[in-house]
Amino acid sequence: MQSDATTVKEYLDSLPEDRRKALTAVRKVIRANLPKGIVETMNWGMISYEIPLTTYPKTYNGKPLMYAALASQKNYMSVYLTAIYGSAKLRERFEAAYKDSGKKLDMGKGCVRFTSLDTLPLEVIGDAIGSCTVEQYIATMEKALADARAARAAAKATS
């Protein structure tokens, strides 16, 4: 469910009380662990944590580089952890810590889905948010883009 809200307050105020409380608690953990240089905005219809274009203007789509996001979907809530999506080491560490928490992980590539605050280990989310610096994240994303370009070129050369 994408929102038309233009501010974080407007977004949170538009949610049912249980969702607002849950996302507010997760947001507090995210903000407490957010690496320096990342800003909170509303983008893509959700609360987004981004590296501003003034810091890193070379994005593939001309938009700020998203580091994390928080959203209320139709049947669940989501924390998008793009830093662990781009790093096998960080993802393995995250998955192990989640398992150790005793809570069941419901995750896509970088999206952790949860239905209530009780099902989300906030300390594990906080650790994932603080797991890399802006510089490390940019380097990871640049490598991923370079690898994707090289794979496309190789595929084109063999066809």
N, C-alpha and C. Protein backbone atom coordinates (compact mmCIF):
# COMPACT_ATOMS: atom_id res chain seq x y z
N MET A 1 0.84 -1.17 0.00
CA MET A 1 0.00 0.00 0.00
C MET A 1 0.88 1.23 0.00
N GLN A 2 0.98 1.88 -1.11
CA GLN A 2 1.80 3.06 -1.22
C GLN A 2 1.01 4.27 -0.71
N SER A 3 1.64 5.13 0.02
CA SER A 3 1.00 6.30 0.60
C SER A 3 1.31 7.55 -0.21
N ASP A 4 0.39 8.49 -0.18
CA ASP A 4 0.60 9.79 -0.81
C ASP A 4 1.09 10.83 0.19
N ALA A 5 1.35 10.40 1.42
CA ALA A 5 1.81 11.32 2.47
C ALA A 5 3.12 11.97 2.05
N THR A 6 3.27 13.23 2.42
CA THR A 6 4.50 13.95 2.06
C THR A 6 5.44 14.13 3.25
N THR A 7 4.95 13.84 4.46
CA THR A 7 5.80 13.92 5.64
C THR A 7 5.65 12.62 6.44
N VAL A 8 6.65 12.34 7.26
CA VAL A 8 6.61 11.14 8.10
C VAL A 8 5.43 11.25 9.07
N LYS A 9 5.23 12.42 9.64
CA LYS A 9 4.10 12.60 10.58
C LYS A 9 2.78 12.32 9.89
N GLU A 10 2.60 12.86 8.70
CA GLU A 10 1.37 12.63 7.95
C GLU A 10 1.18 11.13 7.66
N TYR A 11 2.26 10.47 7.30
CA TYR A 11 2.21 9.03 7.02
C TYR A 11 1.78 8.26 8.27
N LEU A 12 2.46 8.50 9.38
CA LEU A 12 2.13 7.79 10.62
C LEU A 12 0.71 8.10 11.09
N ASP A 13 0.31 9.36 10.98
CA ASP A 13 -1.04 9.76 11.40
C ASP A 13 -2.13 9.09 10.57
N SER A 14 -1.81 8.68 9.36
CA SER A 14 -2.80 8.05 8.49
C SER A 14 -3.03 6.58 8.80
N LEU A 15 -2.21 6.01 9.65
CA LEU A 15 -2.27 4.57 9.94
C LEU A 15 -3.22 4.26 11.09
N PRO A 16 -3.77 3.04 11.11
CA PRO A 16 -4.53 2.60 12.29
C PRO A 16 -3.60 2.62 13.51
N GLU A 17 -4.18 2.78 14.68
CA GLU A 17 -3.40 2.96 15.90
C GLU A 17 -2.38 1.85 16.14
N ASP A 18 -2.75 0.58 15.93
CA ASP A 18 -1.80 -0.51 16.19
C ASP A 18 -0.60 -0.44 15.26
N ARG A 19 -0.85 -0.12 14.00
CA ARG A 19 0.26 0.01 13.04
C ARG A 19 1.11 1.23 13.35
N ARG A 20 0.46 2.33 13.70
CA ARG A 20 1.20 3.56 14.02
C ARG A 20 2.14 3.29 15.21
N LYS A 21 1.64 2.61 16.25
CA LYS A 21 2.48 2.32 17.42
C LYS A 21 3.65 1.42 17.04
N ALA A 22 3.39 0.40 16.25
CA ALA A 22 4.45 -0.53 15.86
C ALA A 22 5.51 0.18 15.02
N LEU A 23 5.08 0.91 13.99
CA LEU A 23 6.05 1.58 13.11
C LEU A 23 6.79 2.69 13.85
N THR A 24 6.13 3.34 14.79
CA THR A 24 6.81 4.37 15.59
C THR A 24 7.92 3.75 16.43
N ALA A 25 7.67 2.57 16.99
CA ALA A 25 8.69 1.89 17.79
C ALA A 25 9.87 1.45 16.92
N VAL A 26 9.58 0.91 15.74
CA VAL A 26 10.65 0.48 14.83
C VAL A 26 11.42 1.70 14.34
N ARG A 27 10.70 2.77 14.03
CA ARG A 27 11.34 4.01 13.58
C ARG A 27 12.31 4.54 14.63
N LYS A 28 11.93 4.46 15.89
CA LYS A 28 12.80 4.92 16.98
C LYS A 28 14.12 4.13 16.99
N VAL A 29 14.02 2.81 16.81
CA VAL A 29 15.21 1.96 16.77
C VAL A 29 16.06 2.28 15.54
N ILE A 30 15.42 2.47 14.40
CA ILE A 30 16.16 2.81 13.18
C ILE A 30 16.91 4.11 13.38
N ARG A 31 16.23 5.14 13.85
CA ARG A 31 16.85 6.46 14.01
C ARG A 31 18.00 6.41 15.03
N ALA A 32 17.87 5.59 16.06
CA ALA A 32 18.93 5.49 17.08
C ALA A 32 20.18 4.80 16.55
N ASN A 33 20.05 3.99 15.50
CA ASN A 33 21.17 3.21 14.98
C ASN A 33 21.62 3.64 13.59
N LEU A 34 20.99 4.63 13.03
CA LEU A 34 21.26 5.07 11.66
C LEU A 34 22.67 5.64 11.52
N PRO A 35 23.42 5.16 10.55
CA PRO A 35 24.76 5.74 10.33
C PRO A 35 24.69 7.23 9.98
N LYS A 36 25.70 7.96 10.39
CA LYS A 36 25.78 9.39 10.06
C LYS A 36 25.78 9.58 8.55
N GLY A 37 25.05 10.59 8.10
CA GLY A 37 25.00 10.90 6.68
C GLY A 37 23.76 10.39 5.98
N ILE A 38 22.93 9.64 6.69
CA ILE A 38 21.68 9.13 6.11
C ILE A 38 20.53 9.95 6.69
N VAL A 39 19.60 10.33 5.84
CA VAL A 39 18.49 11.18 6.26
C VAL A 39 17.15 10.46 6.12
N GLU A 40 16.22 10.83 6.97
CA GLU A 40 14.87 10.27 6.93
C GLU A 40 14.00 11.15 6.05
N THR A 41 13.29 10.53 5.12
CA THR A 41 12.39 11.26 4.23
C THR A 41 11.15 10.40 3.95
N MET A 42 10.25 10.96 3.20
CA MET A 42 9.15 10.19 2.63
C MET A 42 9.49 10.04 1.15
N ASN A 43 9.59 8.81 0.68
CA ASN A 43 9.89 8.55 -0.72
C ASN A 43 9.32 7.18 -1.06
N TRP A 44 8.92 6.99 -2.27
CA TRP A 44 8.37 5.72 -2.73
C TRP A 44 7.15 5.29 -1.91
N GLY A 45 6.44 6.26 -1.32
CA GLY A 45 5.24 5.96 -0.55
C GLY A 45 5.49 5.36 0.81
N MET A 46 6.70 5.51 1.33
CA MET A 46 7.03 4.94 2.64
C MET A 46 8.09 5.82 3.32
N ILE A 47 8.33 5.54 4.59
CA ILE A 47 9.40 6.25 5.30
C ILE A 47 10.71 5.68 4.78
N SER A 48 11.54 6.54 4.26
CA SER A 48 12.76 6.11 3.60
C SER A 48 13.98 6.73 4.28
N TYR A 49 15.02 5.95 4.38
CA TYR A 49 16.29 6.41 4.94
C TYR A 49 17.30 6.37 3.80
N GLU A 50 17.79 7.55 3.44
CA GLU A 50 18.53 7.69 2.18
C GLU A 50 19.84 8.43 2.34
N ILE A 51 20.71 8.18 1.37
CA ILE A 51 21.93 8.96 1.23
C ILE A 51 21.59 10.08 0.26
N PRO A 52 21.64 11.33 0.70
CA PRO A 52 21.23 12.45 -0.16
C PRO A 52 22.06 12.54 -1.44
N LEU A 53 21.44 13.07 -2.47
CA LEU A 53 22.15 13.26 -3.75
C LEU A 53 23.34 14.19 -3.61
N THR A 54 23.32 15.08 -2.63
CA THR A 54 24.48 15.95 -2.41
C THR A 54 25.69 15.16 -1.95
N THR A 55 25.45 14.01 -1.31
CA THR A 55 26.53 13.13 -0.86
C THR A 55 26.91 12.15 -1.96
N TYR A 56 25.91 11.59 -2.61
CA TYR A 56 26.16 10.58 -3.65
C TYR A 56 25.21 10.81 -4.83
N PRO A 57 25.64 11.59 -5.82
CA PRO A 57 24.76 11.93 -6.94
C PRO A 57 24.76 10.91 -8.09
N LYS A 58 25.64 9.91 -8.06
CA LYS A 58 25.80 9.01 -9.20
C LYS A 58 24.87 7.80 -9.17
N THR A 59 23.62 7.99 -8.73
CA THR A 59 22.71 6.86 -8.66
C THR A 59 22.22 6.49 -10.05
N TYR A 60 21.79 5.24 -10.21
CA TYR A 60 21.36 4.75 -11.52
C TYR A 60 20.04 5.38 -11.96
N ASN A 61 19.23 5.87 -11.02
CA ASN A 61 17.92 6.40 -11.37
C ASN A 61 17.75 7.89 -11.06
N GLY A 62 18.83 8.54 -10.63
CA GLY A 62 18.76 9.97 -10.33
C GLY A 62 18.08 10.29 -9.01
N LYS A 63 17.74 9.27 -8.23
CA LYS A 63 17.11 9.47 -6.93
C LYS A 63 18.12 9.13 -5.84
N PRO A 64 17.89 9.63 -4.62
CA PRO A 64 18.80 9.29 -3.53
C PRO A 64 18.91 7.78 -3.36
N LEU A 65 20.05 7.35 -2.91
CA LEU A 65 20.31 5.93 -2.68
C LEU A 65 19.63 5.51 -1.37
N MET A 66 18.67 4.58 -1.47
CA MET A 66 17.93 4.15 -0.29
C MET A 66 18.76 3.15 0.52
N TYR A 67 18.87 3.42 1.79
CA TYR A 67 19.60 2.56 2.72
C TYR A 67 18.65 1.63 3.47
N ALA A 68 17.49 2.15 3.82
CA ALA A 68 16.47 1.38 4.53
C ALA A 68 15.13 2.06 4.34
N ALA A 69 14.06 1.36 4.69
CA ALA A 69 12.73 1.95 4.61
C ALA A 69 11.80 1.23 5.57
N LEU A 70 10.68 1.86 5.83
CA LEU A 70 9.70 1.35 6.76
C LEU A 70 8.33 1.62 6.17
N ALA A 71 7.47 0.57 6.12
CA ALA A 71 6.18 0.75 5.48
C ALA A 71 5.10 -0.13 6.09
N SER A 72 3.88 0.34 5.94
CA SER A 72 2.70 -0.45 6.29
C SER A 72 2.08 -0.95 4.99
N GLN A 73 2.02 -2.25 4.84
CA GLN A 73 1.43 -2.87 3.66
C GLN A 73 0.01 -3.33 4.00
N LYS A 74 -0.67 -3.94 3.05
CA LYS A 74 -2.05 -4.36 3.28
C LYS A 74 -2.17 -5.38 4.42
N ASN A 75 -1.34 -6.43 4.40
CA ASN A 75 -1.47 -7.51 5.37
C ASN A 75 -0.31 -7.61 6.36
N TYR A 76 0.63 -6.70 6.30
CA TYR A 76 1.79 -6.75 7.17
C TYR A 76 2.52 -5.42 7.14
N MET A 77 3.55 -5.29 7.93
CA MET A 77 4.43 -4.13 7.91
C MET A 77 5.79 -4.61 7.43
N SER A 78 6.60 -3.71 6.93
CA SER A 78 7.90 -4.08 6.37
C SER A 78 9.01 -3.15 6.81
N VAL A 79 10.17 -3.75 7.03
CA VAL A 79 11.42 -3.00 7.18
C VAL A 79 12.28 -3.44 6.01
N TYR A 80 12.67 -2.50 5.19
CA TYR A 80 13.53 -2.79 4.04
C TYR A 80 14.97 -2.51 4.45
N LEU A 81 15.80 -3.53 4.37
CA LEU A 81 17.20 -3.44 4.81
C LEU A 81 18.11 -3.64 3.61
N THR A 82 18.27 -2.60 2.80
CA THR A 82 19.04 -2.76 1.57
C THR A 82 20.53 -2.96 1.84
N ALA A 83 21.01 -2.55 3.00
CA ALA A 83 22.43 -2.76 3.31
C ALA A 83 22.73 -4.25 3.44
N ILE A 84 21.83 -5.02 4.03
CA ILE A 84 22.10 -6.46 4.16
C ILE A 84 21.76 -7.19 2.87
N TYR A 85 20.92 -6.61 2.04
CA TYR A 85 20.61 -7.21 0.75
C TYR A 85 21.87 -7.25 -0.13
N GLY A 86 22.68 -6.22 -0.05
CA GLY A 86 23.86 -6.12 -0.89
C GLY A 86 25.10 -6.81 -0.36
N SER A 87 25.02 -7.38 0.83
CA SER A 87 26.21 -7.99 1.43
C SER A 87 25.86 -9.37 1.99
N ALA A 88 26.45 -10.41 1.42
CA ALA A 88 26.20 -11.77 1.91
C ALA A 88 26.63 -11.91 3.37
N LYS A 89 27.74 -11.29 3.74
CA LYS A 89 28.25 -11.38 5.11
C LYS A 89 27.26 -10.75 6.09
N LEU A 90 26.77 -9.55 5.76
CA LEU A 90 25.81 -8.88 6.65
C LEU A 90 24.49 -9.63 6.72
N ARG A 91 24.06 -10.19 5.59
CA ARG A 91 22.81 -10.94 5.57
C ARG A 91 22.93 -12.20 6.44
N GLU A 92 24.03 -12.92 6.32
CA GLU A 92 24.23 -14.12 7.13
C GLU A 92 24.23 -13.77 8.62
N ARG A 93 24.90 -12.70 8.98
CA ARG A 93 24.95 -12.26 10.37
C ARG A 93 23.54 -11.89 10.86
N PHE A 94 22.79 -11.19 10.01
CA PHE A 94 21.42 -10.80 10.35
C PHE A 94 20.54 -12.03 10.56
N GLU A 95 20.59 -12.97 9.62
CA GLU A 95 19.75 -14.17 9.71
C GLU A 95 20.08 -15.00 10.94
N ALA A 96 21.36 -15.10 11.28
CA ALA A 96 21.76 -15.85 12.48
C ALA A 96 21.25 -15.16 13.75
N ALA A 97 21.38 -13.85 13.81
CA ALA A 97 20.90 -13.11 14.98
C ALA A 97 19.38 -13.20 15.10
N TYR A 98 18.69 -13.15 13.97
CA TYR A 98 17.23 -13.27 13.98
C TYR A 98 16.85 -14.64 14.52
N LYS A 99 17.51 -15.68 14.04
CA LYS A 99 17.22 -17.05 14.50
C LYS A 99 17.48 -17.16 16.00
N ASP A 100 18.59 -16.59 16.45
CA ASP A 100 18.93 -16.64 17.87
C ASP A 100 17.90 -15.91 18.74
N SER A 101 17.16 -14.96 18.15
CA SER A 101 16.15 -14.22 18.90
C SER A 101 14.94 -15.08 19.23
N GLY A 102 14.81 -16.21 18.52
CA GLY A 102 13.67 -17.09 18.73
C GLY A 102 12.43 -16.69 17.95
N LYS A 103 12.54 -15.64 17.16
CA LYS A 103 11.40 -15.18 16.36
C LYS A 103 11.53 -15.71 14.95
N LYS A 104 10.39 -15.91 14.29
CA LYS A 104 10.37 -16.46 12.95
C LYS A 104 10.63 -15.35 11.92
N LEU A 105 11.61 -15.57 11.07
CA LEU A 105 11.97 -14.61 10.04
C LEU A 105 11.11 -14.81 8.81
N ASP A 106 10.45 -13.74 8.38
CA ASP A 106 9.68 -13.71 7.13
C ASP A 106 10.34 -12.63 6.28
N MET A 107 11.16 -13.06 5.32
CA MET A 107 12.00 -12.10 4.60
C MET A 107 12.08 -12.42 3.13
N GLY A 108 12.05 -11.36 2.33
CA GLY A 108 12.36 -11.46 0.92
C GLY A 108 13.84 -11.15 0.76
N LYS A 109 14.23 -10.56 -0.35
CA LYS A 109 15.65 -10.26 -0.57
C LYS A 109 16.19 -9.30 0.48
N GLY A 110 15.48 -8.25 0.75
CA GLY A 110 15.93 -7.28 1.74
C GLY A 110 14.79 -6.75 2.58
N CYS A 111 13.62 -7.34 2.43
CA CYS A 111 12.40 -6.88 3.09
C CYS A 111 12.01 -7.84 4.20
N VAL A 112 11.99 -7.36 5.43
CA VAL A 112 11.55 -8.16 6.57
C VAL A 112 10.09 -7.80 6.83
N ARG A 113 9.23 -8.81 6.76
CA ARG A 113 7.80 -8.60 6.97
C ARG A 113 7.44 -9.01 8.40
N PHE A 114 6.56 -8.22 9.03
CA PHE A 114 6.10 -8.55 10.37
C PHE A 114 4.65 -8.08 10.54
N THR A 115 3.93 -8.79 11.38
CA THR A 115 2.52 -8.46 11.58
C THR A 115 2.25 -7.72 12.88
N SER A 116 3.18 -7.81 13.81
CA SER A 116 3.07 -7.06 15.06
C SER A 116 4.47 -6.83 15.61
N LEU A 117 4.56 -5.91 16.52
CA LEU A 117 5.85 -5.59 17.12
C LEU A 117 6.42 -6.79 17.88
N ASP A 118 5.54 -7.65 18.39
CA ASP A 118 5.98 -8.83 19.13
C ASP A 118 6.74 -9.83 18.27
N THR A 119 6.56 -9.76 16.95
CA THR A 119 7.21 -10.73 16.06
C THR A 119 8.52 -10.21 15.47
N LEU A 120 8.93 -9.01 15.89
CA LEU A 120 10.12 -8.39 15.32
C LEU A 120 11.16 -8.14 16.41
N PRO A 121 12.35 -8.75 16.32
CA PRO A 121 13.40 -8.49 17.33
C PRO A 121 14.07 -7.14 17.06
N LEU A 122 13.65 -6.13 17.80
CA LEU A 122 14.12 -4.77 17.54
C LEU A 122 15.63 -4.63 17.65
N GLU A 123 16.27 -5.37 18.58
CA GLU A 123 17.72 -5.26 18.72
C GLU A 123 18.44 -5.78 17.48
N VAL A 124 17.87 -6.78 16.83
CA VAL A 124 18.46 -7.32 15.60
C VAL A 124 18.28 -6.31 14.45
N ILE A 125 17.14 -5.66 14.41
CA ILE A 125 16.91 -4.62 13.39
C ILE A 125 17.88 -3.46 13.62
N GLY A 126 18.03 -3.04 14.86
CA GLY A 126 18.96 -1.95 15.17
C GLY A 126 20.39 -2.28 14.76
N ASP A 127 20.81 -3.51 15.03
CA ASP A 127 22.16 -3.94 14.64
C ASP A 127 22.32 -3.91 13.11
N ALA A 128 21.30 -4.38 12.40
CA ALA A 128 21.37 -4.38 10.93
C ALA A 128 21.44 -2.95 10.39
N ILE A 129 20.68 -2.05 10.97
CA ILE A 129 20.69 -0.66 10.52
C ILE A 129 22.07 -0.04 10.73
N GLY A 130 22.70 -0.34 11.83
CA GLY A 130 24.02 0.24 12.12
C GLY A 130 25.18 -0.57 11.60
N SER A 131 24.91 -1.54 10.72
CA SER A 131 25.93 -2.50 10.32
C SER A 131 26.98 -1.99 9.34
N CYS A 132 26.72 -0.89 8.66
CA CYS A 132 27.77 -0.37 7.76
C CYS A 132 27.67 1.14 7.64
N THR A 133 28.77 1.72 7.28
CA THR A 133 28.83 3.17 7.11
C THR A 133 28.30 3.55 5.73
N VAL A 134 28.08 4.82 5.55
CA VAL A 134 27.65 5.33 4.24
C VAL A 134 28.68 4.95 3.18
N GLU A 135 29.95 5.10 3.50
CA GLU A 135 31.01 4.80 2.54
C GLU A 135 31.02 3.31 2.17
N GLN A 136 30.85 2.44 3.16
CA GLN A 136 30.80 1.00 2.89
C GLN A 136 29.59 0.65 2.02
N TYR A 137 28.46 1.26 2.32
CA TYR A 137 27.24 0.99 1.56
C TYR A 137 27.38 1.44 0.11
N ILE A 138 27.92 2.61 -0.10
CA ILE A 138 28.13 3.12 -1.47
C ILE A 138 29.07 2.18 -2.23
N ALA A 139 30.14 1.75 -1.59
CA ALA A 139 31.09 0.83 -2.25
C ALA A 139 30.40 -0.48 -2.61
N THR A 140 29.56 -1.01 -1.72
CA THR A 140 28.83 -2.24 -2.00
C THR A 140 27.89 -2.06 -3.18
N MET A 141 27.17 -0.95 -3.21
CA MET A 141 26.22 -0.70 -4.30
C MET A 141 26.95 -0.49 -5.63
N GLU A 142 28.07 0.22 -5.60
CA GLU A 142 28.84 0.42 -6.84
C GLU A 142 29.36 -0.91 -7.37
N LYS A 143 29.82 -1.78 -6.48
CA LYS A 143 30.29 -3.10 -6.91
C LYS A 143 29.15 -3.92 -7.51
N ALA A 144 27.99 -3.88 -6.88
CA ALA A 144 26.83 -4.63 -7.39
C ALA A 144 26.43 -4.14 -8.78
N LEU A 145 26.45 -2.83 -8.98
CA LEU A 145 26.11 -2.28 -10.29
C LEU A 145 27.16 -2.66 -11.34
N ALA A 146 28.42 -2.61 -10.96
CA ALA A 146 29.49 -2.98 -11.89
C ALA A 146 29.39 -4.46 -12.25
N ASP A 147 29.10 -5.31 -11.26
CA ASP A 147 28.93 -6.74 -11.52
C ASP A 147 27.75 -6.99 -12.45
N ALA A 148 26.66 -6.27 -12.25
CA ALA A 148 25.48 -6.43 -13.11
C ALA A 148 25.79 -6.00 -14.54
N ARG A 149 26.51 -4.89 -14.69
CA ARG A 149 26.90 -4.43 -16.04
C ARG A 149 27.79 -5.46 -16.73
N ALA A 150 28.74 -6.01 -15.99
CA ALA A 150 29.64 -7.00 -16.55
C ALA A 150 28.88 -8.27 -16.96
N ALA A 151 27.92 -8.68 -16.14
CA ALA A 151 27.12 -9.87 -16.48
C ALA A 151 26.28 -9.63 -17.73
N ARG A 152 25.72 -8.43 -17.86
CA ARG A 152 24.93 -8.11 -19.07
C ARG A 152 25.83 -8.09 -20.30
N ALA A 153 27.01 -7.53 -20.16
CA ALA A 153 27.95 -7.48 -21.29
C ALA A 153 28.39 -8.88 -21.69
N ALA A 154 28.64 -9.73 -20.71
CA ALA A 154 29.04 -11.11 -21.00
C ALA A 154 27.91 -11.88 -21.70
N ALA A 155 26.69 -11.66 -21.23
CA ALA A 155 25.55 -12.33 -21.83
C ALA A 155 25.34 -11.86 -23.27
N LYS A 156 25.52 -10.57 -23.48
CA LYS A 156 25.37 -10.00 -24.83
C LYS A 156 26.45 -10.54 -25.77
N ALA A 157 27.66 -10.69 -25.24
CA ALA A 157 28.77 -11.18 -26.06
C ALA A 157 28.59 -12.63 -26.48
N THR A 158 27.90 -13.42 -25.68
CA THR A 158 27.70 -14.84 -26.01
C THR A 158 26.43 -15.09 -26.83
N SER A 159 25.63 -14.07 -27.02
CA SER A 159 24.38 -14.29 -27.78
C SER A 159 24.50 -13.88 -29.22
